[in-house]
N, C-alpha and C. Protein backbone atom coordinates (compact mmCIF):
# COMPACT_ATOMS: atom_id res chain seq x y z
N MET A 1 5.71 11.85 -23.46
CA MET A 1 5.81 12.06 -21.96
C MET A 1 6.30 10.85 -21.57
N ASP A 2 7.06 11.01 -20.31
CA ASP A 2 8.22 10.18 -19.98
C ASP A 2 7.62 9.03 -18.76
N ILE A 3 8.24 8.00 -18.55
CA ILE A 3 7.13 6.93 -17.85
C ILE A 3 6.85 7.74 -16.37
N ASP A 4 7.57 8.63 -15.82
CA ASP A 4 7.81 9.29 -14.73
C ASP A 4 6.68 10.45 -14.92
N GLU A 5 6.31 10.62 -15.61
CA GLU A 5 5.52 12.01 -15.62
C GLU A 5 3.59 10.82 -16.04
N LYS A 6 4.10 9.97 -16.62
CA LYS A 6 2.56 9.18 -16.38
C LYS A 6 2.42 8.65 -15.18
N LYS A 7 3.53 8.27 -14.10
CA LYS A 7 2.95 7.36 -13.25
C LYS A 7 2.70 9.19 -12.12
N ILE A 8 3.29 9.98 -12.36
CA ILE A 8 2.83 11.09 -11.47
C ILE A 8 1.03 11.52 -11.92
N ILE A 9 0.83 11.69 -13.54
CA ILE A 9 -0.90 11.94 -13.81
C ILE A 9 -1.61 10.60 -12.89
N ASN A 10 -0.77 9.42 -13.12
CA ASN A 10 -1.83 8.55 -12.51
C ASN A 10 -2.15 8.24 -10.65
N LYS A 11 -1.14 9.18 -10.63
CA LYS A 11 -1.78 9.02 -8.78
C LYS A 11 -2.32 9.81 -8.56
N VAL A 12 -2.12 11.45 -9.37
CA VAL A 12 -2.29 12.41 -9.08
C VAL A 12 -3.84 12.88 -9.52
N ILE A 13 -4.05 12.80 -10.75
CA ILE A 13 -5.52 13.09 -11.84
C ILE A 13 -6.86 12.41 -10.34
N PRO A 14 -6.54 11.05 -10.15
CA PRO A 14 -7.46 10.35 -9.35
C PRO A 14 -7.81 10.74 -7.83
N ILE A 15 -6.44 11.64 -7.29
CA ILE A 15 -6.65 12.30 -6.18
C ILE A 15 -7.26 13.57 -6.28
N ILE A 16 -7.32 14.06 -7.35
CA ILE A 16 -8.09 15.92 -7.62
C ILE A 16 -9.31 14.75 -7.55
N ILE A 17 -9.89 14.27 -8.44
CA ILE A 17 -10.79 13.60 -8.98
C ILE A 17 -11.85 13.06 -7.94
N SER A 18 -11.54 12.59 -6.78
CA SER A 18 -11.86 12.63 -5.43
C SER A 18 -11.86 13.53 -4.64
N ALA A 19 -10.77 14.66 -5.00
CA ALA A 19 -11.35 15.79 -4.29
C ALA A 19 -12.86 17.03 -4.64
N LEU A 20 -12.73 16.44 -5.32
CA LEU A 20 -13.53 17.14 -6.51
C LEU A 20 -14.64 16.95 -6.35
N ILE A 21 -15.03 14.90 -6.35
CA ILE A 21 -16.07 14.61 -5.96
C ILE A 21 -16.52 14.68 -4.47
N ASN A 22 -15.62 14.76 -3.59
CA ASN A 22 -16.21 15.11 -2.58
C ASN A 22 -16.57 16.90 -1.90
N ASP A 23 -16.26 18.05 -2.65
CA ASP A 23 -16.74 18.73 -2.86
C ASP A 23 -17.95 19.52 -3.91
N GLY A 24 -18.47 18.16 -4.37
CA GLY A 24 -19.72 18.50 -4.52
C GLY A 24 -19.48 18.82 -6.47
N LEU A 25 -17.92 19.19 -6.66
CA LEU A 25 -18.71 20.03 -8.08
C LEU A 25 -18.11 19.26 -9.23
N ILE A 26 -18.32 17.66 -9.25
CA ILE A 26 -18.78 16.95 -9.91
C ILE A 26 -19.41 15.61 -9.67
N SER A 27 -19.78 14.69 -10.76
CA SER A 27 -20.53 13.18 -9.55
C SER A 27 -20.15 12.12 -11.09
N ASP A 28 -20.65 11.17 -10.63
CA ASP A 28 -20.60 10.15 -11.31
C ASP A 28 -21.52 10.30 -13.18
N GLU A 29 -22.52 11.60 -12.82
CA GLU A 29 -23.15 11.53 -14.15
C GLU A 29 -22.34 13.26 -14.81
N SER A 30 -21.64 13.54 -14.25
CA SER A 30 -20.68 15.06 -15.04
C SER A 30 -20.09 14.23 -16.51
N THR A 31 -20.33 14.93 -17.29
CA THR A 31 -19.25 14.60 -18.70
C THR A 31 -18.18 14.81 -19.10
N GLU A 32 -17.30 14.08 -20.15
CA GLU A 32 -15.84 14.53 -19.75
C GLU A 32 -15.53 16.00 -19.72
N LYS A 33 -16.59 16.75 -20.69
CA LYS A 33 -15.54 18.02 -20.48
C LYS A 33 -15.77 18.78 -19.50
N GLU A 34 -17.30 18.70 -18.35
CA GLU A 34 -17.22 18.73 -16.93
C GLU A 34 -16.43 18.30 -15.80
N VAL A 35 -16.06 17.19 -16.12
CA VAL A 35 -14.49 16.46 -15.26
C VAL A 35 -13.56 17.45 -15.69
N LYS A 36 -12.92 17.32 -16.88
CA LYS A 36 -11.92 17.66 -17.31
C LYS A 36 -11.66 19.58 -17.13
N GLU A 37 -12.40 19.97 -16.90
CA GLU A 37 -12.57 21.33 -17.00
C GLU A 37 -12.26 21.41 -15.46
N ALA A 38 -12.55 21.02 -14.63
CA ALA A 38 -13.14 21.07 -13.32
C ALA A 38 -11.63 20.87 -12.80
N VAL A 39 -11.23 19.64 -13.11
CA VAL A 39 -9.92 19.05 -12.79
C VAL A 39 -8.74 20.40 -13.51
N GLN A 40 -8.72 21.00 -14.22
CA GLN A 40 -7.86 21.76 -14.71
C GLN A 40 -8.06 23.31 -14.21
N ALA A 41 -9.50 23.30 -13.65
CA ALA A 41 -9.75 24.43 -12.66
C ALA A 41 -9.01 24.13 -11.50
N TYR A 42 -8.73 22.81 -10.92
CA TYR A 42 -8.02 22.86 -9.23
C TYR A 42 -6.96 22.95 -9.72
N ILE A 43 -6.11 22.49 -11.29
CA ILE A 43 -4.91 22.36 -11.07
C ILE A 43 -4.34 23.88 -11.05
N ASP A 44 -5.32 25.29 -11.64
CA ASP A 44 -4.93 25.98 -11.69
C ASP A 44 -4.92 26.69 -10.30
N SER A 45 -5.54 26.18 -9.51
CA SER A 45 -6.16 27.18 -8.52
C SER A 45 -4.70 26.52 -7.25
N ASP A 46 -5.32 27.30 -5.90
CA ASP A 46 -3.70 27.01 -5.33
C ASP A 46 -3.80 25.82 -4.31
N ASN A 47 -4.65 24.91 -4.77
CA ASN A 47 -5.49 23.66 -3.38
C ASN A 47 -4.06 23.00 -3.50
N ILE A 48 -3.33 22.64 -4.36
CA ILE A 48 -2.51 21.29 -4.88
C ILE A 48 -1.40 22.22 -3.60
N ASP A 49 -0.91 23.02 -3.33
CA ASP A 49 -0.02 23.30 -2.82
C ASP A 49 0.00 23.71 -1.41
N SER A 50 -1.27 22.82 -0.87
CA SER A 50 -1.54 22.87 0.49
C SER A 50 -1.87 21.61 0.32
N TRP A 51 -1.22 20.55 -0.56
CA TRP A 51 -1.21 18.73 -0.04
C TRP A 51 -0.33 18.76 0.41
N ASP A 52 -0.69 17.57 1.42
CA ASP A 52 0.15 16.12 2.17
C ASP A 52 0.50 14.82 1.12
N MET A 53 1.21 15.27 0.07
CA MET A 53 1.23 14.03 -0.43
C MET A 53 1.85 12.80 0.91
N VAL A 54 1.81 11.50 0.22
CA VAL A 54 2.15 10.49 0.53
C VAL A 54 3.06 9.65 -0.84
N ILE A 55 4.73 9.96 -0.62
CA ILE A 55 5.67 9.35 -1.13
C ILE A 55 6.11 8.16 -0.79
N THR A 56 6.31 6.79 -1.72
CA THR A 56 6.54 5.63 -1.52
C THR A 56 7.47 5.17 -2.97
N ALA A 57 8.14 4.44 -2.36
CA ALA A 57 9.38 4.07 -3.71
C ALA A 57 8.70 2.14 -4.18
N SER A 58 7.58 2.64 -3.90
CA SER A 58 6.11 1.12 -4.19
C SER A 58 6.94 0.17 -5.26
N ASP A 59 6.98 1.37 -6.64
CA ASP A 59 7.08 0.71 -7.61
C ASP A 59 8.44 0.27 -8.13
N VAL A 60 9.82 0.59 -7.55
CA VAL A 60 11.03 0.08 -7.50
C VAL A 60 11.42 -0.93 -7.17
N LEU A 61 10.52 -1.30 -5.44
CA LEU A 61 10.83 -2.18 -4.59
C LEU A 61 10.15 -3.40 -5.66
N MET A 62 9.23 -3.02 -5.95
CA MET A 62 8.18 -4.25 -6.36
C MET A 62 9.31 -4.86 -7.74
N GLU A 63 9.77 -4.18 -8.45
CA GLU A 63 10.71 -4.23 -9.43
C GLU A 63 11.38 -5.39 -9.16
N THR A 64 12.57 -4.59 -7.82
CA THR A 64 13.56 -5.59 -7.32
C THR A 64 13.13 -6.98 -6.98
N LEU A 65 11.62 -6.75 -6.05
CA LEU A 65 11.37 -7.91 -5.84
C LEU A 65 10.86 -8.61 -6.83
N GLU A 66 10.53 -8.91 -7.82
CA GLU A 66 10.01 -9.44 -9.06
C GLU A 66 11.50 -10.11 -9.62
N TYR A 67 12.72 -9.28 -9.71
CA TYR A 67 13.80 -9.73 -9.87
C TYR A 67 14.33 -10.81 -9.02
N ALA A 68 14.16 -10.25 -8.17
CA ALA A 68 14.95 -11.76 -6.82
C ALA A 68 14.68 -12.80 -6.35
N VAL A 69 13.12 -13.16 -6.82
CA VAL A 69 12.08 -14.29 -6.87
C VAL A 69 12.70 -15.07 -8.38
N ASP A 70 12.67 -14.07 -8.85
CA ASP A 70 12.83 -14.92 -11.18
C ASP A 70 14.25 -15.23 -10.63
N ASN A 71 15.29 -14.75 -9.77
CA ASN A 71 16.61 -15.19 -9.14
C ASN A 71 16.86 -16.09 -8.33
N ASN A 72 15.66 -16.84 -7.54
CA ASN A 72 15.72 -17.62 -6.61
C ASN A 72 16.23 -16.67 -4.96
N GLN A 73 16.64 -15.73 -5.01
CA GLN A 73 17.21 -14.85 -4.28
C GLN A 73 16.79 -14.66 -3.06
N TYR A 74 16.70 -15.80 -1.72
CA TYR A 74 15.72 -16.09 -0.63
C TYR A 74 16.22 -15.07 -0.03
N ASP A 75 17.14 -14.37 0.39
CA ASP A 75 17.15 -12.85 1.30
C ASP A 75 16.91 -11.86 0.92
N ALA A 76 16.96 -11.74 -0.35
CA ALA A 76 16.75 -10.51 -1.02
C ALA A 76 15.08 -10.40 -0.95
N SER A 77 14.57 -11.59 -1.56
CA SER A 77 13.17 -11.47 -1.56
C SER A 77 11.68 -11.54 -0.44
N VAL A 78 13.04 -12.34 0.94
CA VAL A 78 11.91 -12.31 2.24
C VAL A 78 12.73 -10.50 2.49
N THR A 79 13.90 -9.97 2.43
CA THR A 79 13.90 -8.83 2.96
C THR A 79 12.89 -7.69 2.82
N LEU A 80 12.84 -7.67 0.90
CA LEU A 80 11.31 -6.54 0.12
C LEU A 80 10.48 -6.96 0.62
N THR A 81 10.19 -8.19 0.60
CA THR A 81 8.56 -8.37 0.87
C THR A 81 8.52 -7.96 1.75
N GLY A 82 9.27 -8.09 3.28
CA GLY A 82 9.08 -7.45 4.77
C GLY A 82 8.91 -5.77 4.13
N ILE A 83 9.79 -5.67 3.90
CA ILE A 83 9.73 -3.67 3.76
C ILE A 83 8.34 -3.42 2.62
N ILE A 84 8.06 -3.91 1.78
CA ILE A 84 7.06 -3.16 0.87
C ILE A 84 5.32 -3.69 1.75
N VAL A 85 5.39 -4.58 2.50
CA VAL A 85 4.12 -5.30 3.22
C VAL A 85 4.31 -4.10 4.17
N GLU A 86 4.99 -4.27 5.27
CA GLU A 86 5.07 -2.53 6.49
C GLU A 86 5.06 -1.19 5.43
N GLN A 87 5.45 -1.02 4.09
CA GLN A 87 4.97 -0.14 3.36
C GLN A 87 3.46 -0.29 3.16
N MET A 88 2.92 -1.04 2.73
CA MET A 88 1.82 -1.39 2.23
C MET A 88 0.55 -0.93 3.91
N ILE A 89 1.12 -1.47 4.69
CA ILE A 89 0.11 -1.45 5.68
C ILE A 89 0.70 0.11 6.43
N ASN A 90 1.74 0.72 6.40
CA ASN A 90 1.47 2.11 6.90
C ASN A 90 1.07 3.43 5.98
N GLU A 91 0.91 2.96 4.82
CA GLU A 91 0.42 4.04 3.96
C GLU A 91 -1.20 3.89 4.09
N PHE A 92 -1.66 2.60 4.21
CA PHE A 92 -3.47 2.15 4.63
C PHE A 92 -3.76 2.50 5.77
N TYR A 93 -2.89 2.86 6.49
CA TYR A 93 -3.52 3.42 7.93
C TYR A 93 -3.04 4.80 8.50
N ASN A 94 -2.70 5.23 6.86
CA ASN A 94 -2.31 6.80 7.09
C ASN A 94 -3.90 7.45 6.86
N ASP A 95 -4.50 6.61 5.68
CA ASP A 95 -5.53 6.91 4.96
C ASP A 95 -6.75 6.67 6.58
N VAL A 96 -6.40 5.81 6.81
CA VAL A 96 -7.94 5.52 7.73
C VAL A 96 -7.76 6.12 8.80
N LEU A 97 -6.41 6.55 9.65
CA LEU A 97 -6.52 6.62 10.82
C LEU A 97 -6.78 8.40 10.70
N ILE A 98 -5.68 8.39 10.15
CA ILE A 98 -5.79 10.44 9.64
C ILE A 98 -7.06 10.89 8.63
N ASP A 99 -7.70 9.82 8.03
CA ASP A 99 -8.58 10.66 7.22
C ASP A 99 -9.76 10.04 7.53
N LYS A 100 -10.17 9.07 8.01
CA LYS A 100 -11.62 8.64 8.84
C LYS A 100 -11.65 9.04 10.54
N HIS A 101 -10.38 8.95 10.74
CA HIS A 101 -10.76 8.76 12.58
C HIS A 101 -10.21 9.94 13.02
N ASN A 102 -9.59 10.79 12.24
CA ASN A 102 -8.70 12.04 12.19
C ASN A 102 -8.10 12.27 13.28
N PHE A 103 -7.00 11.28 13.71
CA PHE A 103 -5.61 11.15 13.99
C PHE A 103 -4.95 12.16 13.73
N SER A 104 -4.24 12.65 14.83
CA SER A 104 -3.05 13.56 13.86
C SER A 104 -1.86 12.78 13.68
N LYS A 105 -1.18 13.46 13.37
CA LYS A 105 -0.01 13.61 12.67
C LYS A 105 0.93 12.14 13.61
N THR A 106 0.86 13.39 14.71
CA THR A 106 2.09 12.42 16.03
C THR A 106 0.99 11.05 16.41
N GLU A 107 -0.20 11.14 16.41
CA GLU A 107 -0.97 10.18 16.92
C GLU A 107 -0.94 8.46 16.50
N TYR A 108 -0.52 9.04 14.80
CA TYR A 108 -0.58 7.81 13.41
C TYR A 108 0.76 7.52 13.79
N ASP A 109 1.60 8.32 13.51
CA ASP A 109 2.85 7.77 13.87
C ASP A 109 3.44 6.82 15.14
N SER A 110 2.72 7.32 16.73
CA SER A 110 2.30 6.71 18.09
C SER A 110 2.04 4.93 17.56
N CYS A 111 0.95 4.93 17.00
CA CYS A 111 0.48 3.54 16.80
C CYS A 111 1.29 2.53 15.87
N MET A 112 1.93 3.50 14.42
CA MET A 112 2.58 2.32 13.86
C MET A 112 4.04 2.21 14.52
N LYS A 113 4.16 2.68 14.91
CA LYS A 113 5.71 2.64 16.11
C LYS A 113 5.49 1.30 16.99
N VAL A 114 4.60 1.60 17.79
CA VAL A 114 4.39 0.70 19.32
C VAL A 114 3.49 -0.62 18.59
N ILE A 115 2.65 -0.64 18.05
CA ILE A 115 1.78 -1.60 17.61
C ILE A 115 2.25 -2.84 16.45
N PRO A 116 2.65 -4.10 16.86
CA PRO A 116 3.08 -4.90 16.11
C PRO A 116 2.40 -5.63 14.95
N THR A 117 3.11 -6.04 13.76
CA THR A 117 2.65 -5.94 12.24
C THR A 117 1.24 -6.58 12.48
N LYS A 118 1.15 -7.73 13.24
CA LYS A 118 -0.03 -9.02 13.86
C LYS A 118 -0.61 -8.02 13.92
N ASP A 119 -0.58 -7.39 15.30
CA ASP A 119 -1.99 -6.45 15.67
C ASP A 119 -2.49 -5.77 14.96
N LYS A 120 -1.75 -5.24 13.90
CA LYS A 120 -2.43 -3.87 12.64
C LYS A 120 -3.11 -4.78 11.97
N LEU A 121 -3.09 -5.92 11.85
CA LEU A 121 -3.54 -6.34 11.08
C LEU A 121 -5.04 -7.98 11.66
N THR A 122 -5.08 -7.42 12.69
CA THR A 122 -6.17 -8.43 13.35
C THR A 122 -6.79 -7.23 14.24
N TRP A 123 -6.81 -7.00 15.55
CA TRP A 123 -7.76 -5.91 16.12
C TRP A 123 -7.98 -4.43 15.53
N LEU A 124 -6.64 -4.30 14.94
CA LEU A 124 -6.46 -2.67 14.59
C LEU A 124 -7.41 -2.12 13.40
N TYR A 125 -7.33 -3.58 12.83
CA TYR A 125 -7.98 -3.51 11.61
C TYR A 125 -9.48 -3.51 11.55
N ARG A 126 -9.92 -4.73 12.33
CA ARG A 126 -11.09 -5.05 13.08
C ARG A 126 -11.78 -3.68 13.54
N ILE A 127 -11.27 -2.77 14.43
CA ILE A 127 -11.69 -1.76 14.98
C ILE A 127 -12.00 -0.54 14.23
N THR A 128 -10.94 -0.22 13.47
CA THR A 128 -10.49 0.88 12.67
C THR A 128 -11.63 0.74 11.09
N THR A 129 -12.13 -0.97 10.75
CA THR A 129 -12.38 -0.53 9.03
C THR A 129 -13.63 -1.90 9.71
N SER A 130 -14.15 -1.97 11.09
CA SER A 130 -15.17 -3.19 10.87
C SER A 130 -15.08 -4.36 9.90
N GLU A 131 -13.66 -4.73 9.14
CA GLU A 131 -13.46 -5.90 8.79
C GLU A 131 -12.67 -6.70 9.76
N SER A 132 -12.01 -8.18 8.82
CA SER A 132 -11.29 -8.82 9.06
C SER A 132 -10.84 -9.39 8.07
N ILE A 133 -9.10 -9.33 8.00
CA ILE A 133 -8.63 -10.56 7.15
C ILE A 133 -8.43 -11.48 7.77
N ASP A 134 -8.47 -12.77 6.45
CA ASP A 134 -8.44 -14.14 6.98
C ASP A 134 -7.10 -14.47 7.70
N SER A 135 -7.41 -15.47 9.38
CA SER A 135 -6.08 -15.99 9.92
C SER A 135 -5.33 -16.16 8.69
N GLU A 136 -5.23 -16.85 7.59
CA GLU A 136 -4.42 -17.60 7.00
C GLU A 136 -3.26 -16.63 6.83
N THR A 137 -4.03 -15.62 5.95
CA THR A 137 -2.73 -14.39 5.03
C THR A 137 -1.77 -14.00 6.46
N VAL A 138 -2.86 -13.24 7.54
CA VAL A 138 -2.08 -12.68 8.76
C VAL A 138 -0.40 -14.10 8.78
N SER A 139 -0.92 -15.08 9.25
CA SER A 139 0.28 -15.65 9.54
C SER A 139 1.03 -15.92 8.96
N ARG A 140 0.55 -15.93 7.49
CA ARG A 140 2.43 -15.71 6.29
C ARG A 140 2.52 -14.91 6.57
N ILE A 141 1.96 -13.63 6.61
CA ILE A 141 3.18 -12.26 6.85
C ILE A 141 3.55 -12.27 7.92
N ASP A 142 2.56 -12.87 8.75
CA ASP A 142 3.86 -12.71 10.44
C ASP A 142 5.18 -13.44 10.64
N ASN A 143 5.18 -14.41 9.08
CA ASN A 143 5.76 -15.93 9.19
C ASN A 143 7.26 -14.71 8.39
N ILE A 144 6.92 -13.98 7.33
CA ILE A 144 7.72 -13.29 6.61
C ILE A 144 8.52 -12.05 7.52
N ARG A 145 7.51 -11.88 8.39
CA ARG A 145 8.32 -10.61 9.28
C ARG A 145 9.31 -11.22 10.16
N LYS A 146 8.91 -12.40 10.31
CA LYS A 146 10.06 -13.04 10.86
C LYS A 146 11.48 -13.21 10.22
N ALA A 147 10.59 -14.35 9.39
CA ALA A 147 12.13 -14.41 8.02
C ALA A 147 12.70 -13.50 7.57
N ARG A 148 11.96 -12.07 7.95
CA ARG A 148 13.42 -10.91 7.34
C ARG A 148 13.76 -10.71 9.07
N ASN A 149 13.34 -10.32 10.17
CA ASN A 149 14.34 -10.04 11.10
C ASN A 149 15.11 -11.18 11.37
N ASP A 150 15.20 -13.21 10.64
CA ASP A 150 16.43 -13.31 10.80
C ASP A 150 17.42 -12.43 9.75
N VAL A 151 17.19 -12.19 8.50
CA VAL A 151 17.79 -11.75 7.70
C VAL A 151 18.41 -10.83 8.41
N VAL A 152 17.96 -9.68 8.34
CA VAL A 152 18.45 -8.68 8.43
C VAL A 152 18.89 -8.01 9.90
N HIS A 153 18.25 -8.65 11.39
CA HIS A 153 18.84 -8.40 11.85
C HIS A 153 19.41 -10.43 12.57
N TYR A 154 20.65 -10.61 11.84
CA TYR A 154 21.05 -11.98 12.30
C TYR A 154 21.68 -11.88 13.65
N LYS A 155 21.48 -13.12 13.82
CA LYS A 155 22.01 -13.32 15.37
C LYS A 155 23.06 -14.80 15.32
N PRO A 156 24.33 -14.87 15.53
CA PRO A 156 24.74 -16.57 15.90
C PRO A 156 24.74 -17.21 16.54
N LYS A 157 24.34 -18.40 16.25
CA LYS A 157 24.31 -19.52 17.18
C LYS A 157 24.66 -20.40 17.50
N ARG A 158 24.86 -20.89 18.55
CA ARG A 158 25.84 -21.86 18.76
C ARG A 158 25.20 -23.68 18.85
N GLU A 159 25.61 -23.71 17.75
CA GLU A 159 25.47 -25.66 17.69
C GLU A 159 26.23 -26.06 17.63
N ASN A 160 25.97 -27.67 17.87
CA ASN A 160 26.68 -28.93 18.00
C ASN A 160 27.14 -28.56 16.91
N ILE A 161 28.37 -29.26 16.06
CA ILE A 161 29.20 -29.34 15.23
C ILE A 161 28.66 -30.53 14.25
N ASN A 162 28.08 -31.72 14.40
CA ASN A 162 27.17 -32.30 13.75
C ASN A 162 26.16 -31.92 13.54
N ALA A 163 25.38 -31.23 14.37
CA ALA A 163 23.76 -30.58 14.24
C ALA A 163 23.93 -30.51 12.62
N THR A 164 22.86 -30.27 11.59
CA THR A 164 22.39 -29.35 10.53
C THR A 164 22.17 -27.85 10.67
N ILE A 165 22.79 -27.74 10.14
CA ILE A 165 22.61 -25.55 10.54
C ILE A 165 21.84 -25.20 9.59
N LYS A 166 20.79 -24.10 9.98
CA LYS A 166 19.17 -23.62 9.69
C LYS A 166 19.87 -22.36 9.22
N TRP A 167 19.82 -22.02 8.23
CA TRP A 167 19.59 -20.24 8.81
C TRP A 167 18.79 -19.48 8.67
N GLN A 168 17.78 -20.18 8.50
CA GLN A 168 16.33 -19.38 8.66
C GLN A 168 15.65 -20.00 9.31
N ASN A 169 14.83 -19.11 10.25
CA ASN A 169 14.38 -20.43 11.80
C ASN A 169 12.55 -20.43 11.10
N ILE A 170 11.91 -19.81 9.88
CA ILE A 170 11.04 -19.37 9.98
C ILE A 170 11.22 -19.87 8.00
N PRO A 171 10.87 -20.86 7.78
CA PRO A 171 10.75 -20.96 6.29
C PRO A 171 9.65 -20.13 5.30
N VAL A 172 10.30 -19.97 4.97
CA VAL A 172 9.37 -19.20 3.39
C VAL A 172 9.29 -20.00 1.80
N ASP A 173 8.68 -19.53 1.35
CA ASP A 173 7.91 -20.36 -0.36
C ASP A 173 8.12 -18.88 -0.70
N ILE A 174 9.84 -18.82 -1.94
CA ILE A 174 9.49 -17.06 -2.39
C ILE A 174 8.65 -16.99 -3.49
N ASP A 175 8.12 -18.32 -3.90
CA ASP A 175 7.15 -18.28 -4.68
C ASP A 175 5.71 -17.89 -4.43
N GLU A 176 5.43 -17.10 -3.55
CA GLU A 176 4.20 -17.45 -2.71
C GLU A 176 3.83 -15.78 -2.54
N LEU A 177 5.72 -14.86 -2.40
CA LEU A 177 5.19 -13.64 -1.98
C LEU A 177 4.60 -12.71 -2.34
N LEU A 178 4.49 -12.80 -3.84
CA LEU A 178 4.28 -12.00 -4.96
C LEU A 178 2.58 -12.15 -4.92
N PRO A 179 1.95 -12.93 -4.93
CA PRO A 179 0.41 -13.50 -4.61
C PRO A 179 0.12 -13.23 -3.43
N LEU A 180 1.20 -13.59 -2.47
CA LEU A 180 0.56 -13.03 -1.63
C LEU A 180 -0.15 -11.55 -0.91
N ILE A 181 1.28 -10.56 -1.65
CA ILE A 181 1.00 -8.99 -1.78
C ILE A 181 -0.07 -8.57 -2.69
N ASP A 182 -0.17 -9.39 -3.62
CA ASP A 182 -1.38 -8.41 -4.27
C ASP A 182 -2.51 -8.99 -3.68
N LYS A 183 -2.83 -10.13 -3.05
CA LYS A 183 -3.96 -10.54 -1.75
C LYS A 183 -4.46 -9.10 -0.91
N LEU A 184 -3.25 -9.02 -0.15
CA LEU A 184 -2.93 -7.50 1.14
C LEU A 184 -3.71 -6.88 0.17
N LYS A 185 -3.04 -7.20 -0.94
CA LYS A 185 -3.20 -5.14 -1.73
C LYS A 185 -5.18 -5.25 -2.14
N ARG A 186 -5.05 -6.29 -2.42
CA ARG A 186 -6.93 -6.00 -2.48
C ARG A 186 -7.73 -6.72 -1.61
N TYR A 187 -7.23 -6.45 -0.13
CA TYR A 187 -7.84 -6.02 0.53
C TYR A 187 -7.72 -5.03 1.36
N PHE A 188 -7.17 -4.05 1.20
CA PHE A 188 -6.60 -2.94 1.27
C PHE A 188 -7.60 -1.80 0.58
N GLN A 189 -7.12 -2.42 -0.70
CA GLN A 189 -8.14 -1.24 -2.11
C GLN A 189 -9.75 -1.69 -1.81
N GLU A 190 -10.00 -3.10 -1.18
CA GLU A 190 -11.53 -3.17 -1.47
C GLU A 190 -12.41 -2.42 0.12
N CYS A 191 -10.92 -2.55 1.02
CA CYS A 191 -11.20 -1.69 2.13
C CYS A 191 -11.69 -0.16 2.24
N ILE A 192 -10.34 0.27 1.69
CA ILE A 192 -10.49 1.64 1.19
C ILE A 192 -12.03 2.78 0.23
N TYR A 193 -12.42 1.41 -0.45
CA TYR A 193 -13.37 1.66 -1.51
C TYR A 193 -15.00 1.88 -0.69
N THR A 194 -14.74 1.09 0.41
CA THR A 194 -15.94 1.04 1.33
C THR A 194 -14.99 2.24 1.84
N ILE A 195 -14.57 2.40 2.60
CA ILE A 195 -14.48 3.76 3.55
C ILE A 195 -15.02 4.91 2.84
N PHE A 196 -14.49 5.16 1.95
CA PHE A 196 -13.77 5.94 0.89
C PHE A 196 -14.61 6.04 -0.54
N PRO A 197 -16.21 5.98 -0.21
CA PRO A 197 -16.77 5.44 -2.12
C PRO A 197 -16.14 6.53 -3.18
N GLU A 198 -16.20 7.41 -2.46
CA GLU A 198 -15.81 8.84 -3.67
C GLU A 198 -14.19 8.34 -4.28
N ASN A 199 -12.84 7.92 -3.68
CA ASN A 199 -11.79 6.64 -4.19
C ASN A 199 -12.43 6.09 -5.64
N LYS A 200 -13.33 5.68 -5.07
CA LYS A 200 -14.06 4.30 -6.07
C LYS A 200 -14.19 5.48 -7.22
N MET A 201 -15.19 6.08 -7.43
CA MET A 201 -15.51 6.45 -8.48
C MET A 201 -14.55 7.42 -9.21
N ALA A 202 -13.57 8.32 -8.11
CA ALA A 202 -12.66 8.68 -8.87
C ALA A 202 -11.71 8.30 -9.90
N GLU A 203 -11.62 6.57 -9.41
CA GLU A 203 -10.93 5.65 -10.20
C GLU A 203 -11.17 5.19 -11.48
N GLU A 204 -12.80 5.21 -11.22
CA GLU A 204 -13.40 4.81 -12.68
C GLU A 204 -13.74 5.98 -13.83
N LEU A 205 -14.06 7.51 -12.91
CA LEU A 205 -14.41 8.80 -13.53
C LEU A 205 -12.55 8.88 -14.61
N PHE A 206 -11.96 8.13 -14.12
CA PHE A 206 -10.11 8.82 -14.52
C PHE A 206 -10.16 7.49 -15.70
N GLU A 207 -10.76 6.56 -15.12
CA GLU A 207 -10.59 5.35 -16.27
C GLU A 207 -11.08 5.33 -17.76
N LYS A 208 -12.52 6.07 -17.30
CA LYS A 208 -13.38 6.64 -18.28
C LYS A 208 -12.79 7.86 -19.21
N PHE A 209 -12.49 8.87 -18.56
CA PHE A 209 -12.27 10.06 -19.28
C PHE A 209 -10.64 10.29 -19.59
N PHE A 210 -9.67 9.81 -19.20
CA PHE A 210 -8.70 10.11 -18.82
C PHE A 210 -7.69 8.89 -19.75
N SER A 211 -8.82 7.84 -20.63
CA SER A 211 -7.57 6.20 -20.74
C SER A 211 -6.50 6.49 -21.12
N ASN A 212 -6.33 7.79 -22.07
CA ASN A 212 -5.34 7.65 -23.01
C ASN A 212 -3.99 7.92 -22.19
N CYS A 213 -3.98 8.38 -20.78
CA CYS A 213 -2.88 8.06 -19.92
C CYS A 213 -2.41 6.48 -19.67
N ASP A 214 -1.52 6.19 -20.12
CA ASP A 214 -1.21 4.62 -19.43
C ASP A 214 -1.35 4.63 -18.16
N ARG A 215 -1.95 3.36 -18.02
CA ARG A 215 -2.12 3.07 -16.13
C ARG A 215 -1.00 1.65 -16.16
N ASP A 216 -0.41 1.51 -15.06
CA ASP A 216 0.53 0.37 -14.40
C ASP A 216 -0.30 -0.52 -14.31
């Protein structure tokens, strides 16, 4: 089994298990045989054909970011982090707004387009999850957004010839980028497990009964 097949299994099987838990077909007390038979029956049915899967390039982006950070590439690191964070936020709200709050795809798209990133991590996060993200994390992510915009939407500035030129308005320590992404990921993961407890149970059953499939 190649790496891409493993990634598909690691992504899809827990989703199937979560659906089976929701349907009451398995539980945390189910045996390995019961879980695997239920998963196979689900795969053999037409259920998967109706799925709306969320496809992202997060693995490739993270690998590229790690390379950029290791090689002290400031612009690339900031730009990639901005893309990854935005992708994480949009994927999180795809689950929360559509699956929990029953937003339509159009309503979800409207929210993601018009609400600023900082607001998505503050008031929108609070009213949709009853949780909050610490202000320091929000501030650091907002600084990354501004720094990314400085790079991506660069506008030349007229400055006195004797003045020190600053290419970035918002300084960002690129060594802090990967830990910050991990921290935001933990916030989102814990919140998803609280809102959708079946997802956590599905992950645990996957680890228990499908451990021969390597996880990333």
